[in-house]
Amino acid sequence: MQDSAAKDGKTFAIISYITLFGTLIAFFMNREKRNPLVSFHIRQALGLWLLQLLLGYFISAFDSWMISVSFWVFILVLIVYGISGAMSGKYNEVPMLGPFFQKLFSSIGQ
């Protein structure tokens, strides 16, 4: 059962990391036939995109390309880590923030 769920949900799990709109598309596509892998990655991706929006607003106030580039590299590395977990069908939490995102968005996919 677990392998079947992982195989069926890989596509939507990957889509959830492709912009905030991809997260919304994966969320609505996962509403009818709940897949635990997709729900897990939707929570991770939603947390990453909201973090990017929130921190990006404050980072832009510094008006420094060094701070901006390091912020974008940080976000990009976390997104690539999430996508690689989705591609392999694993429940890899994003380092440092993943457990917080799972707890914060625990109502998604239930």
PDB file of N, CA and C in Angstrom:
ATOM      1  N   MET A   1       0.835  -1.198   0.000  1.00  0.00           N
ATOM      2  CA  MET A   1       0.000   0.000   0.000  1.00  0.00           C
ATOM      3  C   MET A   1       0.870   1.248   0.000  1.00  0.00           C
ATOM      4  N   GLN A   2       1.890   1.263   0.838  1.00  0.00           N
ATOM      5  CA  GLN A   2       2.742   2.449   0.941  1.00  0.00           C
ATOM      6  C   GLN A   2       3.480   2.699  -0.374  1.00  0.00           C
ATOM      7  N   ASP A   3       3.955   1.655  -1.017  1.00  0.00           N
ATOM      8  CA  ASP A   3       4.650   1.828  -2.295  1.00  0.00           C
ATOM      9  C   ASP A   3       3.705   2.329  -3.380  1.00  0.00           C
ATOM     10  N   SER A   4       2.483   1.848  -3.374  1.00  0.00           N
ATOM     11  CA  SER A   4       1.501   2.288  -4.362  1.00  0.00           C
ATOM     12  C   SER A   4       1.154   3.763  -4.168  1.00  0.00           C
ATOM     13  N   ALA A   5       1.004   4.171  -2.915  1.00  0.00           N
ATOM     14  CA  ALA A   5       0.697   5.578  -2.626  1.00  0.00           C
ATOM     15  C   ALA A   5       1.849   6.477  -3.039  1.00  0.00           C
ATOM     16  N   ALA A   6       3.070   6.031  -2.806  1.00  0.00           N
ATOM     17  CA  ALA A   6       4.244   6.829  -3.183  1.00  0.00           C
ATOM     18  C   ALA A   6       4.355   6.934  -4.696  1.00  0.00           C
ATOM     19  N   LYS A   7       4.090   5.844  -5.380  1.00  0.00           N
ATOM     20  CA  LYS A   7       4.201   5.855  -6.840  1.00  0.00           C
ATOM     21  C   LYS A   7       3.137   6.750  -7.472  1.00  0.00           C
ATOM     22  N   ASP A   8       1.910   6.681  -6.969  1.00  0.00           N
ATOM     23  CA  ASP A   8       0.814   7.476  -7.528  1.00  0.00           C
ATOM     24  C   ASP A   8       0.963   8.963  -7.231  1.00  0.00           C
ATOM     25  N   GLY A   9       1.561   9.304  -6.101  1.00  0.00           N
ATOM     26  CA  GLY A   9       1.606  10.697  -5.694  1.00  0.00           C
ATOM     27  C   GLY A   9       2.855  11.463  -6.041  1.00  0.00           C
ATOM     28  N   LYS A  10       3.822  10.824  -6.652  1.00  0.00           N
ATOM     29  CA  LYS A  10       5.083  11.507  -6.955  1.00  0.00           C
ATOM     30  C   LYS A  10       4.890  12.746  -7.825  1.00  0.00           C
ATOM     31  N   THR A  11       4.037  12.652  -8.813  1.00  0.00           N
ATOM     32  CA  THR A  11       3.847  13.775  -9.737  1.00  0.00           C
ATOM     33  C   THR A  11       3.330  15.002  -9.011  1.00  0.00           C
ATOM     34  N   PHE A  12       2.274  14.830  -8.221  1.00  0.00           N
ATOM     35  CA  PHE A  12       1.711  15.973  -7.519  1.00  0.00           C
ATOM     36  C   PHE A  12       2.628  16.459  -6.404  1.00  0.00           C
ATOM     37  N   ALA A  13       3.399  15.555  -5.821  1.00  0.00           N
ATOM     38  CA  ALA A  13       4.361  15.966  -4.806  1.00  0.00           C
ATOM     39  C   ALA A  13       5.432  16.861  -5.413  1.00  0.00           C
ATOM     40  N   ILE A  14       5.876  16.535  -6.614  1.00  0.00           N
ATOM     41  CA  ILE A  14       6.871  17.371  -7.299  1.00  0.00           C
ATOM     42  C   ILE A  14       6.246  18.693  -7.719  1.00  0.00           C
ATOM     43  N   ILE A  15       5.020  18.659  -8.220  1.00  0.00           N
ATOM     44  CA  ILE A  15       4.337  19.879  -8.651  1.00  0.00           C
ATOM     45  C   ILE A  15       4.168  20.851  -7.491  1.00  0.00           C
ATOM     46  N   SER A  16       4.005  20.326  -6.291  1.00  0.00           N
ATOM     47  CA  SER A  16       3.781  21.208  -5.138  1.00  0.00           C
ATOM     48  C   SER A  16       4.960  22.137  -4.866  1.00  0.00           C
ATOM     49  N   TYR A  17       6.150  21.778  -5.303  1.00  0.00           N
ATOM     50  CA  TYR A  17       7.324  22.620  -5.079  1.00  0.00           C
ATOM     51  C   TYR A  17       7.541  23.660  -6.184  1.00  0.00           C
ATOM     52  N   ILE A  18       6.763  23.584  -7.259  1.00  0.00           N
ATOM     53  CA  ILE A  18       6.965  24.499  -8.379  1.00  0.00           C
ATOM     54  C   ILE A  18       6.048  25.701  -8.176  1.00  0.00           C
ATOM     55  N   THR A  19       6.542  26.720  -7.596  1.00  0.00           N
ATOM     56  CA  THR A  19       5.881  27.969  -7.224  1.00  0.00           C
ATOM     57  C   THR A  19       4.698  27.741  -6.275  1.00  0.00           C
ATOM     58  N   LEU A  20       4.190  28.803  -5.751  1.00  0.00           N
ATOM     59  CA  LEU A  20       3.047  28.737  -4.843  1.00  0.00           C
ATOM     60  C   LEU A  20       1.803  28.245  -5.576  1.00  0.00           C
ATOM     61  N   PHE A  21       1.693  28.563  -6.867  1.00  0.00           N
ATOM     62  CA  PHE A  21       0.561  28.080  -7.657  1.00  0.00           C
ATOM     63  C   PHE A  21       0.613  26.557  -7.814  1.00  0.00           C
ATOM     64  N   GLY A  22       1.798  26.004  -7.938  1.00  0.00           N
ATOM     65  CA  GLY A  22       1.940  24.550  -7.997  1.00  0.00           C
ATOM     66  C   GLY A  22       1.483  23.894  -6.705  1.00  0.00           C
ATOM     67  N   THR A  23       1.766  24.547  -5.587  1.00  0.00           N
ATOM     68  CA  THR A  23       1.312  24.034  -4.297  1.00  0.00           C
ATOM     69  C   THR A  23      -0.208  24.031  -4.235  1.00  0.00           C
ATOM     70  N   LEU A  24      -0.825  25.099  -4.719  1.00  0.00           N
ATOM     71  CA  LEU A  24      -2.290  25.167  -4.720  1.00  0.00           C
ATOM     72  C   LEU A  24      -2.901  24.132  -5.669  1.00  0.00           C
ATOM     73  N   ILE A  25      -2.285  23.933  -6.820  1.00  0.00           N
ATOM     74  CA  ILE A  25      -2.777  22.928  -7.770  1.00  0.00           C
ATOM     75  C   ILE A  25      -2.698  21.538  -7.143  1.00  0.00           C
ATOM     76  N   ALA A  26      -1.565  21.229  -6.533  1.00  0.00           N
ATOM     77  CA  ALA A  26      -1.411  19.911  -5.892  1.00  0.00           C
ATOM     78  C   ALA A  26      -2.399  19.749  -4.746  1.00  0.00           C
ATOM     79  N   PHE A  27      -2.646  20.823  -4.000  1.00  0.00           N
ATOM     80  CA  PHE A  27      -3.602  20.758  -2.891  1.00  0.00           C
ATOM     81  C   PHE A  27      -4.999  20.410  -3.390  1.00  0.00           C
ATOM     82  N   PHE A  28      -5.462  21.104  -4.418  1.00  0.00           N
ATOM     83  CA  PHE A  28      -6.809  20.862  -4.913  1.00  0.00           C
ATOM     84  C   PHE A  28      -6.924  19.521  -5.632  1.00  0.00           C
ATOM     85  N   MET A  29      -5.878  19.076  -6.289  1.00  0.00           N
ATOM     86  CA  MET A  29      -5.909  17.768  -6.944  1.00  0.00           C
ATOM     87  C   MET A  29      -5.865  16.627  -5.925  1.00  0.00           C
ATOM     88  N   ASN A  30      -5.344  16.889  -4.750  1.00  0.00           N
ATOM     89  CA  ASN A  30      -5.218  15.866  -3.717  1.00  0.00           C
ATOM     90  C   ASN A  30      -6.450  15.798  -2.816  1.00  0.00           C
ATOM     91  N   ARG A  31      -7.416  16.664  -2.999  1.00  0.00           N
ATOM     92  CA  ARG A  31      -8.568  16.703  -2.104  1.00  0.00           C
ATOM     93  C   ARG A  31      -9.482  15.489  -2.264  1.00  0.00           C
ATOM     94  N   GLU A  32      -9.676  15.021  -3.476  1.00  0.00           N
ATOM     95  CA  GLU A  32     -10.585  13.897  -3.695  1.00  0.00           C
ATOM     96  C   GLU A  32      -9.974  12.582  -3.227  1.00  0.00           C
ATOM     97  N   LYS A  33      -8.820  12.274  -3.754  1.00  0.00           N
ATOM     98  CA  LYS A  33      -8.152  11.013  -3.454  1.00  0.00           C
ATOM     99  C   LYS A  33      -6.921  11.343  -2.609  1.00  0.00           C
ATOM    100  N   ARG A  34      -7.079  11.331  -1.322  1.00  0.00           N
ATOM    101  CA  ARG A  34      -6.007  11.742  -0.402  1.00  0.00           C
ATOM    102  C   ARG A  34      -4.816  10.794  -0.485  1.00  0.00           C
ATOM    103  N   ASN A  35      -3.668  11.374  -0.760  1.00  0.00           N
ATOM    104  CA  ASN A  35      -2.429  10.617  -0.815  1.00  0.00           C
ATOM    105  C   ASN A  35      -1.513  11.176   0.271  1.00  0.00           C
ATOM    106  N   PRO A  36      -1.060  10.352   1.200  1.00  0.00           N
ATOM    107  CA  PRO A  36      -0.235  10.861   2.308  1.00  0.00           C
ATOM    108  C   PRO A  36       1.088  11.473   1.848  1.00  0.00           C
ATOM    109  N   LEU A  37       1.678  10.943   0.784  1.00  0.00           N
ATOM    110  CA  LEU A  37       2.932  11.503   0.274  1.00  0.00           C
ATOM    111  C   LEU A  37       2.707  12.917  -0.265  1.00  0.00           C
ATOM    112  N   VAL A  38       1.649  13.096  -1.016  1.00  0.00           N
ATOM    113  CA  VAL A  38       1.343  14.412  -1.576  1.00  0.00           C
ATOM    114  C   VAL A  38       1.019  15.394  -0.457  1.00  0.00           C
ATOM    115  N   SER A  39       0.234  14.969   0.509  1.00  0.00           N
ATOM    116  CA  SER A  39      -0.106  15.847   1.633  1.00  0.00           C
ATOM    117  C   SER A  39       1.142  16.280   2.392  1.00  0.00           C
ATOM    118  N   PHE A  40       2.061  15.351   2.607  1.00  0.00           N
ATOM    119  CA  PHE A  40       3.310  15.667   3.298  1.00  0.00           C
ATOM    120  C   PHE A  40       4.092  16.737   2.539  1.00  0.00           C
ATOM    121  N   HIS A  41       4.247  16.546   1.234  1.00  0.00           N
ATOM    122  CA  HIS A  41       5.043  17.487   0.446  1.00  0.00           C
ATOM    123  C   HIS A  41       4.308  18.814   0.217  1.00  0.00           C
ATOM    124  N   ILE A  42       2.993  18.800   0.217  1.00  0.00           N
ATOM    125  CA  ILE A  42       2.248  20.063   0.150  1.00  0.00           C
ATOM    126  C   ILE A  42       2.532  20.892   1.396  1.00  0.00           C
ATOM    127  N   ARG A  43       2.526  20.256   2.564  1.00  0.00           N
ATOM    128  CA  ARG A  43       2.826  20.986   3.805  1.00  0.00           C
ATOM    129  C   ARG A  43       4.235  21.556   3.787  1.00  0.00           C
ATOM    130  N   GLN A  44       5.192  20.770   3.290  1.00  0.00           N
ATOM    131  CA  GLN A  44       6.573  21.243   3.218  1.00  0.00           C
ATOM    132  C   GLN A  44       6.710  22.408   2.232  1.00  0.00           C
ATOM    133  N   ALA A  45       6.123  22.255   1.052  1.00  0.00           N
ATOM    134  CA  ALA A  45       6.240  23.289   0.017  1.00  0.00           C
ATOM    135  C   ALA A  45       5.520  24.566   0.426  1.00  0.00           C
ATOM    136  N   LEU A  46       4.342  24.426   1.024  1.00  0.00           N
ATOM    137  CA  LEU A  46       3.610  25.610   1.471  1.00  0.00           C
ATOM    138  C   LEU A  46       4.412  26.380   2.511  1.00  0.00           C
ATOM    139  N   GLY A  47       5.031  25.663   3.415  1.00  0.00           N
ATOM    140  CA  GLY A  47       5.872  26.321   4.411  1.00  0.00           C
ATOM    141  C   GLY A  47       7.051  27.040   3.773  1.00  0.00           C
ATOM    142  N   LEU A  48       7.685  26.402   2.794  1.00  0.00           N
ATOM    143  CA  LEU A  48       8.823  27.037   2.123  1.00  0.00           C
ATOM    144  C   LEU A  48       8.414  28.287   1.358  1.00  0.00           C
ATOM    145  N   TRP A  49       7.295  28.217   0.628  1.00  0.00           N
ATOM    146  CA  TRP A  49       6.884  29.375  -0.155  1.00  0.00           C
ATOM    147  C   TRP A  49       6.419  30.529   0.720  1.00  0.00           C
ATOM    148  N   LEU A  50       5.725  30.221   1.820  1.00  0.00           N
ATOM    149  CA  LEU A  50       5.315  31.299   2.722  1.00  0.00           C
ATOM    150  C   LEU A  50       6.517  31.900   3.448  1.00  0.00           C
ATOM    151  N   LEU A  51       7.490  31.053   3.785  1.00  0.00           N
ATOM    152  CA  LEU A  51       8.727  31.549   4.389  1.00  0.00           C
ATOM    153  C   LEU A  51       9.465  32.458   3.410  1.00  0.00           C
ATOM    154  N   GLN A  52       9.497  32.058   2.150  1.00  0.00           N
ATOM    155  CA  GLN A  52      10.162  32.867   1.131  1.00  0.00           C
ATOM    156  C   GLN A  52       9.484  34.229   0.989  1.00  0.00           C
ATOM    157  N   LEU A  53       8.166  34.241   0.981  1.00  0.00           N
ATOM    158  CA  LEU A  53       7.444  35.511   0.859  1.00  0.00           C
ATOM    159  C   LEU A  53       7.667  36.400   2.080  1.00  0.00           C
ATOM    160  N   LEU A  54       7.574  35.822   3.260  1.00  0.00           N
ATOM    161  CA  LEU A  54       7.717  36.591   4.491  1.00  0.00           C
ATOM    162  C   LEU A  54       9.137  37.116   4.675  1.00  0.00           C
ATOM    163  N   LEU A  55      10.109  36.230   4.574  1.00  0.00           N
ATOM    164  CA  LEU A  55      11.497  36.664   4.757  1.00  0.00           C
ATOM    165  C   LEU A  55      11.986  37.519   3.590  1.00  0.00           C
ATOM    166  N   GLY A  56      11.514  37.230   2.392  1.00  0.00           N
ATOM    167  CA  GLY A  56      11.915  38.018   1.230  1.00  0.00           C
ATOM    168  C   GLY A  56      11.532  39.475   1.367  1.00  0.00           C
ATOM    169  N   TYR A  57      10.397  39.724   1.989  1.00  0.00           N
ATOM    170  CA  TYR A  57       9.962  41.100   2.217  1.00  0.00           C
ATOM    171  C   TYR A  57      10.957  41.837   3.124  1.00  0.00           C
ATOM    172  N   PHE A  58      11.381  41.179   4.196  1.00  0.00           N
ATOM    173  CA  PHE A  58      12.308  41.814   5.131  1.00  0.00           C
ATOM    174  C   PHE A  58      13.742  41.853   4.595  1.00  0.00           C
ATOM    175  N   ILE A  59      14.137  40.838   3.855  1.00  0.00           N
ATOM    176  CA  ILE A  59      15.481  40.803   3.278  1.00  0.00           C
ATOM    177  C   ILE A  59      15.650  41.920   2.254  1.00  0.00           C
ATOM    178  N   SER A  60      14.580  42.237   1.530  1.00  0.00           N
ATOM    179  CA  SER A  60      14.688  43.292   0.518  1.00  0.00           C
ATOM    180  C   SER A  60      14.961  44.656   1.139  1.00  0.00           C
ATOM    181  N   ALA A  61      14.660  44.833   2.397  1.00  0.00           N
ATOM    182  CA  ALA A  61      14.910  46.111   3.065  1.00  0.00           C
ATOM    183  C   ALA A  61      16.410  46.366   3.257  1.00  0.00           C
ATOM    184  N   PHE A  62      17.215  45.316   3.267  1.00  0.00           N
ATOM    185  CA  PHE A  62      18.658  45.488   3.452  1.00  0.00           C
ATOM    186  C   PHE A  62      19.333  46.105   2.235  1.00  0.00           C
ATOM    187  N   ASP A  63      18.769  45.919   1.053  1.00  0.00           N
ATOM    188  CA  ASP A  63      19.300  46.487  -0.182  1.00  0.00           C
ATOM    189  C   ASP A  63      20.768  46.114  -0.388  1.00  0.00           C
ATOM    190  N   SER A  64      21.059  44.840  -0.149  1.00  0.00           N
ATOM    191  CA  SER A  64      22.415  44.322  -0.322  1.00  0.00           C
ATOM    192  C   SER A  64      22.331  43.072  -1.186  1.00  0.00           C
ATOM    193  N   TRP A  65      23.104  43.039  -2.258  1.00  0.00           N
ATOM    194  CA  TRP A  65      23.049  41.879  -3.142  1.00  0.00           C
ATOM    195  C   TRP A  65      23.631  40.646  -2.468  1.00  0.00           C
ATOM    196  N   MET A  66      24.573  40.799  -1.552  1.00  0.00           N
ATOM    197  CA  MET A  66      25.155  39.641  -0.861  1.00  0.00           C
ATOM    198  C   MET A  66      24.119  38.960   0.029  1.00  0.00           C
ATOM    199  N   ILE A  67      23.330  39.740   0.734  1.00  0.00           N
ATOM    200  CA  ILE A  67      22.296  39.174   1.596  1.00  0.00           C
ATOM    201  C   ILE A  67      21.197  38.552   0.739  1.00  0.00           C
ATOM    202  N   SER A  68      20.821  39.225  -0.333  1.00  0.00           N
ATOM    203  CA  SER A  68      19.765  38.710  -1.199  1.00  0.00           C
ATOM    204  C   SER A  68      20.166  37.405  -1.874  1.00  0.00           C
ATOM    205  N   VAL A  69      21.381  37.352  -2.375  1.00  0.00           N
ATOM    206  CA  VAL A  69      21.842  36.133  -3.057  1.00  0.00           C
ATOM    207  C   VAL A  69      21.934  34.971  -2.066  1.00  0.00           C
ATOM    208  N   SER A  70      22.448  35.217  -0.888  1.00  0.00           N
ATOM    209  CA  SER A  70      22.547  34.134   0.095  1.00  0.00           C
ATOM    210  C   SER A  70      21.156  33.654   0.522  1.00  0.00           C
ATOM    211  N   PHE A  71      20.202  34.556   0.618  1.00  0.00           N
ATOM    212  CA  PHE A  71      18.824  34.171   0.936  1.00  0.00           C
ATOM    213  C   PHE A  71      18.239  33.295  -0.168  1.00  0.00           C
ATOM    214  N   TRP A  72      18.411  33.706  -1.418  1.00  0.00           N
ATOM    215  CA  TRP A  72      17.870  32.933  -2.528  1.00  0.00           C
ATOM    216  C   TRP A  72      18.545  31.576  -2.662  1.00  0.00           C
ATOM    217  N   VAL A  73      19.835  31.509  -2.400  1.00  0.00           N
ATOM    218  CA  VAL A  73      20.537  30.215  -2.434  1.00  0.00           C
ATOM    219  C   VAL A  73      19.987  29.302  -1.337  1.00  0.00           C
ATOM    220  N   PHE A  74      19.768  29.861  -0.153  1.00  0.00           N
ATOM    221  CA  PHE A  74      19.201  29.096   0.962  1.00  0.00           C
ATOM    222  C   PHE A  74      17.837  28.521   0.590  1.00  0.00           C
ATOM    223  N   ILE A  75      16.951  29.352   0.053  1.00  0.00           N
ATOM    224  CA  ILE A  75      15.615  28.899  -0.334  1.00  0.00           C
ATOM    225  C   ILE A  75      15.701  27.874  -1.468  1.00  0.00           C
ATOM    226  N   LEU A  76      16.553  28.131  -2.448  1.00  0.00           N
ATOM    227  CA  LEU A  76      16.692  27.214  -3.579  1.00  0.00           C
ATOM    228  C   LEU A  76      17.204  25.840  -3.140  1.00  0.00           C
ATOM    229  N   VAL A  77      18.159  25.816  -2.234  1.00  0.00           N
ATOM    230  CA  VAL A  77      18.682  24.539  -1.729  1.00  0.00           C
ATOM    231  C   VAL A  77      17.578  23.757  -1.017  1.00  0.00           C
ATOM    232  N   LEU A  78      16.760  24.441  -0.210  1.00  0.00           N
ATOM    233  CA  LEU A  78      15.671  23.759   0.487  1.00  0.00           C
ATOM    234  C   LEU A  78      14.621  23.239  -0.490  1.00  0.00           C
ATOM    235  N   ILE A  79      14.334  23.988  -1.536  1.00  0.00           N
ATOM    236  CA  ILE A  79      13.356  23.541  -2.528  1.00  0.00           C
ATOM    237  C   ILE A  79      13.890  22.345  -3.313  1.00  0.00           C
ATOM    238  N   VAL A  80      15.152  22.380  -3.698  1.00  0.00           N
ATOM    239  CA  VAL A  80      15.753  21.241  -4.408  1.00  0.00           C
ATOM    240  C   VAL A  80      15.776  20.008  -3.515  1.00  0.00           C
ATOM    241  N   TYR A  81      16.042  20.198  -2.229  1.00  0.00           N
ATOM    242  CA  TYR A  81      16.012  19.074  -1.283  1.00  0.00           C
ATOM    243  C   TYR A  81      14.604  18.471  -1.220  1.00  0.00           C
ATOM    244  N   GLY A  82      13.593  19.330  -1.183  1.00  0.00           N
ATOM    245  CA  GLY A  82      12.214  18.850  -1.157  1.00  0.00           C
ATOM    246  C   GLY A  82      11.830  18.127  -2.430  1.00  0.00           C
ATOM    247  N   ILE A  83      12.232  18.672  -3.563  1.00  0.00           N
ATOM    248  CA  ILE A  83      11.932  18.032  -4.848  1.00  0.00           C
ATOM    249  C   ILE A  83      12.619  16.673  -4.947  1.00  0.00           C
ATOM    250  N   SER A  84      13.857  16.586  -4.481  1.00  0.00           N
ATOM    251  CA  SER A  84      14.559  15.296  -4.551  1.00  0.00           C
ATOM    252  C   SER A  84      13.871  14.255  -3.671  1.00  0.00           C
ATOM    253  N   GLY A  85      13.350  14.675  -2.525  1.00  0.00           N
ATOM    254  CA  GLY A  85      12.591  13.749  -1.685  1.00  0.00           C
ATOM    255  C   GLY A  85      11.293  13.326  -2.352  1.00  0.00           C
ATOM    256  N   ALA A  86      10.625  14.268  -3.018  1.00  0.00           N
ATOM    257  CA  ALA A  86       9.376  13.947  -3.719  1.00  0.00           C
ATOM    258  C   ALA A  86       9.637  13.007  -4.894  1.00  0.00           C
ATOM    259  N   MET A  87      10.743  13.220  -5.602  1.00  0.00           N
ATOM    260  CA  MET A  87      11.072  12.364  -6.748  1.00  0.00           C
ATOM    261  C   MET A  87      11.380  10.937  -6.310  1.00  0.00           C
ATOM    262  N   SER A  88      11.986  10.799  -5.143  1.00  0.00           N
ATOM    263  CA  SER A  88      12.316   9.458  -4.668  1.00  0.00           C
ATOM    264  C   SER A  88      11.165   8.816  -3.901  1.00  0.00           C
ATOM    265  N   GLY A  89      10.090   9.581  -3.653  1.00  0.00           N
ATOM    266  CA  GLY A  89       8.934   9.029  -2.955  1.00  0.00           C
ATOM    267  C   GLY A  89       9.138   8.903  -1.463  1.00  0.00           C
ATOM    268  N   LYS A  90      10.043   9.684  -0.909  1.00  0.00           N
ATOM    269  CA  LYS A  90      10.349   9.608   0.522  1.00  0.00           C
ATOM    270  C   LYS A  90       9.729  10.788   1.270  1.00  0.00           C
ATOM    271  N   TYR A  91       9.602  10.603   2.550  1.00  0.00           N
ATOM    272  CA  TYR A  91       9.060  11.628   3.432  1.00  0.00           C
ATOM    273  C   TYR A  91      10.210  12.386   4.091  1.00  0.00           C
ATOM    274  N   ASN A  92      11.018  13.045   3.275  1.00  0.00           N
ATOM    275  CA  ASN A  92      12.148  13.816   3.797  1.00  0.00           C
ATOM    276  C   ASN A  92      11.668  15.194   4.223  1.00  0.00           C
ATOM    277  N   GLU A  93      11.868  15.509   5.511  1.00  0.00           N
ATOM    278  CA  GLU A  93      11.524  16.846   5.979  1.00  0.00           C
ATOM    279  C   GLU A  93      12.639  17.809   5.609  1.00  0.00           C
ATOM    280  N   VAL A  94      12.261  19.037   5.330  1.00  0.00           N
ATOM    281  CA  VAL A  94      13.233  20.082   5.031  1.00  0.00           C
ATOM    282  C   VAL A  94      14.067  20.302   6.297  1.00  0.00           C
ATOM    283  N   PRO A  95      15.392  20.387   6.182  1.00  0.00           N
ATOM    284  CA  PRO A  95      16.234  20.565   7.363  1.00  0.00           C
ATOM    285  C   PRO A  95      15.841  21.802   8.173  1.00  0.00           C
ATOM    286  N   MET A  96      15.873  21.676   9.455  1.00  0.00           N
ATOM    287  CA  MET A  96      15.604  22.724  10.446  1.00  0.00           C
ATOM    288  C   MET A  96      14.136  23.116  10.517  1.00  0.00           C
ATOM    289  N   LEU A  97      13.461  23.268   9.413  1.00  0.00           N
ATOM    290  CA  LEU A  97      12.115  23.825   9.393  1.00  0.00           C
ATOM    291  C   LEU A  97      11.017  22.793   9.130  1.00  0.00           C
ATOM    292  N   GLY A  98      11.366  21.646   8.620  1.00  0.00           N
ATOM    293  CA  GLY A  98      10.382  20.638   8.231  1.00  0.00           C
ATOM    294  C   GLY A  98       9.435  20.208   9.328  1.00  0.00           C
ATOM    295  N   PRO A  99       9.937  19.867  10.519  1.00  0.00           N
ATOM    296  CA  PRO A  99       9.004  19.476  11.587  1.00  0.00           C
ATOM    297  C   PRO A  99       8.041  20.603  11.978  1.00  0.00           C
ATOM    298  N   PHE A 100       8.516  21.838  11.935  1.00  0.00           N
ATOM    299  CA  PHE A 100       7.652  22.983  12.233  1.00  0.00           C
ATOM    300  C   PHE A 100       6.563  23.128  11.184  1.00  0.00           C
ATOM    301  N   PHE A 101       6.904  22.966   9.910  1.00  0.00           N
ATOM    302  CA  PHE A 101       5.914  23.052   8.841  1.00  0.00           C
ATOM    303  C   PHE A 101       4.875  21.938   8.975  1.00  0.00           C
ATOM    304  N   GLN A 102       5.310  20.737   9.323  1.00  0.00           N
ATOM    305  CA  GLN A 102       4.378  19.624   9.474  1.00  0.00           C
ATOM    306  C   GLN A 102       3.396  19.884  10.613  1.00  0.00           C
ATOM    307  N   LYS A 103       3.885  20.461  11.688  1.00  0.00           N
ATOM    308  CA  LYS A 103       3.019  20.751  12.825  1.00  0.00           C
ATOM    309  C   LYS A 103       2.088  21.932  12.516  1.00  0.00           C
ATOM    310  N   LEU A 104       2.622  22.965  11.887  1.00  0.00           N
ATOM    311  CA  LEU A 104       1.850  24.169  11.595  1.00  0.00           C
ATOM    312  C   LEU A 104       0.708  23.894  10.614  1.00  0.00           C
ATOM    313  N   PHE A 105       0.981  23.103   9.595  1.00  0.00           N
ATOM    314  CA  PHE A 105      -0.017  22.808   8.572  1.00  0.00           C
ATOM    315  C   PHE A 105      -0.576  21.390   8.712  1.00  0.00           C
ATOM    316  N   SER A 106      -0.687  20.909   9.934  1.00  0.00           N
ATOM    317  CA  SER A 106      -1.126  19.536  10.159  1.00  0.00           C
ATOM    318  C   SER A 106      -2.562  19.270   9.678  1.00  0.00           C
ATOM    319  N   SER A 107      -3.365  20.305   9.557  1.00  0.00           N
ATOM    320  CA  SER A 107      -4.738  20.101   9.105  1.00  0.00           C
ATOM    321  C   SER A 107      -4.840  19.860   7.599  1.00  0.00           C
ATOM    322  N   ILE A 108      -3.786  20.142   6.850  1.00  0.00           N
ATOM    323  CA  ILE A 108      -3.795  19.932   5.406  1.00  0.00           C
ATOM    324  C   ILE A 108      -3.585  18.448   5.118  1.00  0.00           C
ATOM    325  N   GLY A 109      -4.504  17.887   4.364  1.00  0.00           N
ATOM    326  CA  GLY A 109      -4.374  16.487   3.971  1.00  0.00           C
ATOM    327  C   GLY A 109      -4.964  15.519   4.956  1.00  0.00           C
ATOM    328  N   GLN A 110      -5.694  15.994   5.929  1.00  0.00           N
ATOM    329  CA  GLN A 110      -6.297  15.096   6.913  1.00  0.00           C
ATOM    330  C   GLN A 110      -7.676  14.685   6.502  1.00  0.00           C
TER     331      GLN A 110
END
